[in-house]
Amino acid sequence: IDFPTANAALETQTSELNLSGLATDDQGVARVEWSDGRGGQGVASGAFPWSVNGIALQPGLNVIEITAFDAAGNAESD
């Protein structure tokens, strides 16, 4: 995750969040997905780079996880 920060935490007053970054693999990235720990999930646009726009934030702590998958189904999350 490169945007809006590469840090593990971000404090914001907005109700929606846009994220983007780069996913790489020696065999190529098949897809990038996101989840928010509260039932929200989806597939990012692209892989290298990828982006997700309009993730709805709830009051309090929101944990967003990005997972990249290669063609063999191997996954890595941030």
N, C-alpha and C. Protein backbone atom coordinates (compact mmCIF):
# COMPACT_ATOMS: atom_id res chain seq x y z
N ILE A 1 0.87 -1.17 0.00
CA ILE A 1 0.00 0.00 0.00
C ILE A 1 0.91 1.22 0.00
N ASP A 2 0.78 2.02 -1.02
CA ASP A 2 1.61 3.22 -1.16
C ASP A 2 0.84 4.51 -0.92
N PHE A 3 -0.45 4.51 -1.23
CA PHE A 3 -1.25 5.71 -1.11
C PHE A 3 -2.50 5.41 -0.30
N PRO A 4 -2.90 6.20 0.65
CA PRO A 4 -2.41 7.53 0.97
C PRO A 4 -1.17 7.53 1.85
N THR A 5 -0.76 6.35 2.36
CA THR A 5 0.47 6.27 3.15
C THR A 5 1.00 4.85 3.09
N ALA A 6 2.30 4.71 3.21
CA ALA A 6 2.91 3.39 3.31
C ALA A 6 2.99 2.93 4.77
N ASN A 7 2.62 3.82 5.71
CA ASN A 7 2.62 3.48 7.13
C ASN A 7 1.52 2.47 7.43
N ALA A 8 1.65 1.76 8.53
CA ALA A 8 0.67 0.75 8.92
C ALA A 8 -0.63 1.38 9.42
N ALA A 9 -0.60 2.64 9.83
CA ALA A 9 -1.80 3.29 10.35
C ALA A 9 -1.98 4.66 9.70
N LEU A 10 -3.25 5.04 9.59
CA LEU A 10 -3.61 6.34 9.03
C LEU A 10 -4.80 6.86 9.83
N GLU A 11 -4.71 8.08 10.30
CA GLU A 11 -5.84 8.71 10.97
C GLU A 11 -6.47 9.69 10.00
N THR A 12 -7.79 9.57 9.81
CA THR A 12 -8.48 10.42 8.85
C THR A 12 -9.86 10.77 9.36
N GLN A 13 -10.41 11.84 8.87
CA GLN A 13 -11.77 12.27 9.22
C GLN A 13 -12.74 12.01 8.06
N THR A 14 -12.27 11.40 6.98
CA THR A 14 -13.11 11.17 5.81
C THR A 14 -13.98 9.93 6.01
N SER A 15 -15.06 9.84 5.25
CA SER A 15 -15.96 8.69 5.34
C SER A 15 -15.65 7.64 4.29
N GLU A 16 -14.77 7.96 3.35
CA GLU A 16 -14.35 7.02 2.31
C GLU A 16 -12.85 7.09 2.15
N LEU A 17 -12.27 5.99 1.71
CA LEU A 17 -10.82 5.91 1.55
C LEU A 17 -10.48 5.36 0.18
N ASN A 18 -9.52 5.97 -0.48
CA ASN A 18 -8.96 5.46 -1.73
C ASN A 18 -7.57 4.93 -1.42
N LEU A 19 -7.26 3.75 -1.94
CA LEU A 19 -5.95 3.12 -1.72
C LEU A 19 -5.33 2.76 -3.05
N SER A 20 -4.00 2.72 -3.09
CA SER A 20 -3.31 2.23 -4.29
C SER A 20 -1.93 1.73 -3.89
N GLY A 21 -1.35 0.94 -4.77
CA GLY A 21 -0.03 0.40 -4.52
C GLY A 21 0.43 -0.47 -5.67
N LEU A 22 1.49 -1.20 -5.43
CA LEU A 22 2.06 -2.10 -6.43
C LEU A 22 2.10 -3.51 -5.87
N ALA A 23 1.73 -4.50 -6.69
CA ALA A 23 1.84 -5.90 -6.31
C ALA A 23 2.72 -6.59 -7.35
N THR A 24 3.72 -7.31 -6.90
CA THR A 24 4.63 -7.99 -7.82
C THR A 24 4.80 -9.44 -7.43
N ASP A 25 5.14 -10.26 -8.40
CA ASP A 25 5.41 -11.68 -8.20
C ASP A 25 6.27 -12.12 -9.37
N ASP A 26 7.16 -13.09 -9.13
CA ASP A 26 8.04 -13.52 -10.22
C ASP A 26 7.27 -14.20 -11.36
N GLN A 27 6.05 -14.65 -11.08
CA GLN A 27 5.21 -15.26 -12.11
C GLN A 27 4.05 -14.35 -12.54
N GLY A 28 3.97 -13.18 -11.95
CA GLY A 28 2.90 -12.24 -12.27
C GLY A 28 1.77 -12.29 -11.26
N VAL A 29 1.07 -11.19 -11.10
CA VAL A 29 -0.05 -11.09 -10.17
C VAL A 29 -1.35 -11.28 -10.95
N ALA A 30 -2.17 -12.21 -10.48
CA ALA A 30 -3.43 -12.50 -11.16
C ALA A 30 -4.53 -11.52 -10.75
N ARG A 31 -4.59 -11.20 -9.44
CA ARG A 31 -5.61 -10.26 -8.96
C ARG A 31 -5.22 -9.73 -7.59
N VAL A 32 -5.83 -8.61 -7.25
CA VAL A 32 -5.64 -7.99 -5.93
C VAL A 32 -7.03 -7.76 -5.36
N GLU A 33 -7.23 -8.20 -4.10
CA GLU A 33 -8.51 -8.03 -3.43
C GLU A 33 -8.34 -7.21 -2.16
N TRP A 34 -9.42 -6.63 -1.67
CA TRP A 34 -9.40 -5.90 -0.41
C TRP A 34 -10.54 -6.39 0.48
N SER A 35 -10.34 -6.25 1.77
CA SER A 35 -11.40 -6.51 2.74
C SER A 35 -11.21 -5.55 3.91
N ASP A 36 -12.33 -5.24 4.59
CA ASP A 36 -12.24 -4.26 5.67
C ASP A 36 -12.53 -4.83 7.05
N GLY A 37 -12.70 -6.12 7.18
CA GLY A 37 -12.93 -6.73 8.48
C GLY A 37 -14.33 -6.51 9.03
N ARG A 38 -15.16 -5.79 8.30
CA ARG A 38 -16.54 -5.53 8.73
C ARG A 38 -17.54 -5.97 7.66
N GLY A 39 -17.09 -6.84 6.78
CA GLY A 39 -17.97 -7.37 5.74
C GLY A 39 -17.78 -6.75 4.38
N GLY A 40 -17.05 -5.64 4.29
CA GLY A 40 -16.77 -5.03 2.99
C GLY A 40 -15.63 -5.74 2.31
N GLN A 41 -15.76 -5.96 1.02
CA GLN A 41 -14.69 -6.60 0.25
C GLN A 41 -14.89 -6.31 -1.22
N GLY A 42 -13.84 -6.54 -1.99
CA GLY A 42 -13.93 -6.32 -3.42
C GLY A 42 -12.61 -6.63 -4.11
N VAL A 43 -12.61 -6.42 -5.40
CA VAL A 43 -11.43 -6.65 -6.23
C VAL A 43 -10.90 -5.30 -6.68
N ALA A 44 -9.61 -5.11 -6.54
CA ALA A 44 -8.97 -3.86 -6.95
C ALA A 44 -8.88 -3.79 -8.46
N SER A 45 -8.74 -2.59 -8.97
CA SER A 45 -8.48 -2.38 -10.39
C SER A 45 -6.99 -2.53 -10.61
N GLY A 46 -6.59 -3.41 -11.53
CA GLY A 46 -5.19 -3.59 -11.88
C GLY A 46 -4.43 -4.40 -10.85
N ALA A 47 -3.13 -4.50 -11.07
CA ALA A 47 -2.25 -5.20 -10.14
C ALA A 47 -0.93 -4.45 -9.98
N PHE A 48 -0.37 -3.98 -11.06
CA PHE A 48 0.91 -3.28 -11.03
C PHE A 48 0.82 -2.01 -11.86
N PRO A 49 0.24 -0.97 -11.34
CA PRO A 49 -0.27 -0.74 -10.00
C PRO A 49 -1.72 -1.19 -9.86
N TRP A 50 -2.19 -1.27 -8.62
CA TRP A 50 -3.59 -1.55 -8.32
C TRP A 50 -4.18 -0.33 -7.62
N SER A 51 -5.52 -0.24 -7.62
CA SER A 51 -6.19 0.85 -6.90
C SER A 51 -7.58 0.40 -6.48
N VAL A 52 -8.03 0.97 -5.38
CA VAL A 52 -9.38 0.75 -4.86
C VAL A 52 -9.90 2.13 -4.47
N ASN A 53 -11.08 2.47 -4.95
CA ASN A 53 -11.65 3.78 -4.64
C ASN A 53 -12.97 3.62 -3.89
N GLY A 54 -13.20 4.51 -2.94
CA GLY A 54 -14.48 4.59 -2.27
C GLY A 54 -14.74 3.53 -1.22
N ILE A 55 -13.72 3.07 -0.52
CA ILE A 55 -13.95 2.13 0.58
C ILE A 55 -14.64 2.90 1.70
N ALA A 56 -15.84 2.48 2.06
CA ALA A 56 -16.61 3.17 3.10
C ALA A 56 -16.00 2.89 4.47
N LEU A 57 -15.75 3.95 5.22
CA LEU A 57 -15.20 3.82 6.56
C LEU A 57 -16.31 3.97 7.60
N GLN A 58 -16.21 3.23 8.68
CA GLN A 58 -17.14 3.30 9.80
C GLN A 58 -16.48 4.09 10.92
N PRO A 59 -17.26 4.65 11.83
CA PRO A 59 -16.65 5.33 12.98
C PRO A 59 -15.77 4.37 13.78
N GLY A 60 -14.65 4.85 14.26
CA GLY A 60 -13.74 4.02 15.03
C GLY A 60 -12.67 3.40 14.16
N LEU A 61 -12.11 2.31 14.66
CA LEU A 61 -11.00 1.64 13.99
C LEU A 61 -11.49 0.85 12.78
N ASN A 62 -10.86 1.06 11.64
CA ASN A 62 -11.12 0.30 10.42
C ASN A 62 -9.82 -0.39 10.03
N VAL A 63 -9.87 -1.69 9.83
CA VAL A 63 -8.69 -2.45 9.43
C VAL A 63 -8.92 -2.88 7.98
N ILE A 64 -8.10 -2.37 7.09
CA ILE A 64 -8.20 -2.69 5.66
C ILE A 64 -7.05 -3.63 5.31
N GLU A 65 -7.36 -4.73 4.64
CA GLU A 65 -6.33 -5.67 4.23
C GLU A 65 -6.37 -5.81 2.71
N ILE A 66 -5.19 -5.74 2.10
CA ILE A 66 -5.03 -5.93 0.67
C ILE A 66 -4.32 -7.26 0.47
N THR A 67 -4.86 -8.11 -0.41
CA THR A 67 -4.27 -9.41 -0.68
C THR A 67 -4.04 -9.56 -2.18
N ALA A 68 -2.80 -9.89 -2.52
CA ALA A 68 -2.44 -10.13 -3.93
C ALA A 68 -2.31 -11.64 -4.14
N PHE A 69 -2.85 -12.12 -5.26
CA PHE A 69 -2.81 -13.52 -5.64
C PHE A 69 -2.04 -13.71 -6.92
N ASP A 70 -1.20 -14.73 -6.98
CA ASP A 70 -0.55 -15.05 -8.25
C ASP A 70 -1.40 -16.09 -8.98
N ALA A 71 -0.98 -16.48 -10.17
CA ALA A 71 -1.75 -17.40 -11.00
C ALA A 71 -1.93 -18.77 -10.36
N ALA A 72 -1.01 -19.16 -9.47
CA ALA A 72 -1.09 -20.46 -8.79
C ALA A 72 -1.98 -20.40 -7.56
N GLY A 73 -2.49 -19.23 -7.21
CA GLY A 73 -3.35 -19.08 -6.04
C GLY A 73 -2.62 -18.73 -4.77
N ASN A 74 -1.31 -18.57 -4.84
CA ASN A 74 -0.56 -18.13 -3.67
C ASN A 74 -0.95 -16.70 -3.34
N ALA A 75 -0.99 -16.38 -2.05
CA ALA A 75 -1.45 -15.05 -1.64
C ALA A 75 -0.48 -14.43 -0.64
N GLU A 76 -0.44 -13.11 -0.67
CA GLU A 76 0.33 -12.33 0.30
C GLU A 76 -0.51 -11.10 0.64
N SER A 77 -0.58 -10.75 1.92
CA SER A 77 -1.42 -9.64 2.36
C SER A 77 -0.62 -8.55 3.04
N ASP A 78 -1.20 -7.36 3.01
CA ASP A 78 -0.65 -6.20 3.71
C ASP A 78 -1.80 -5.47 4.35
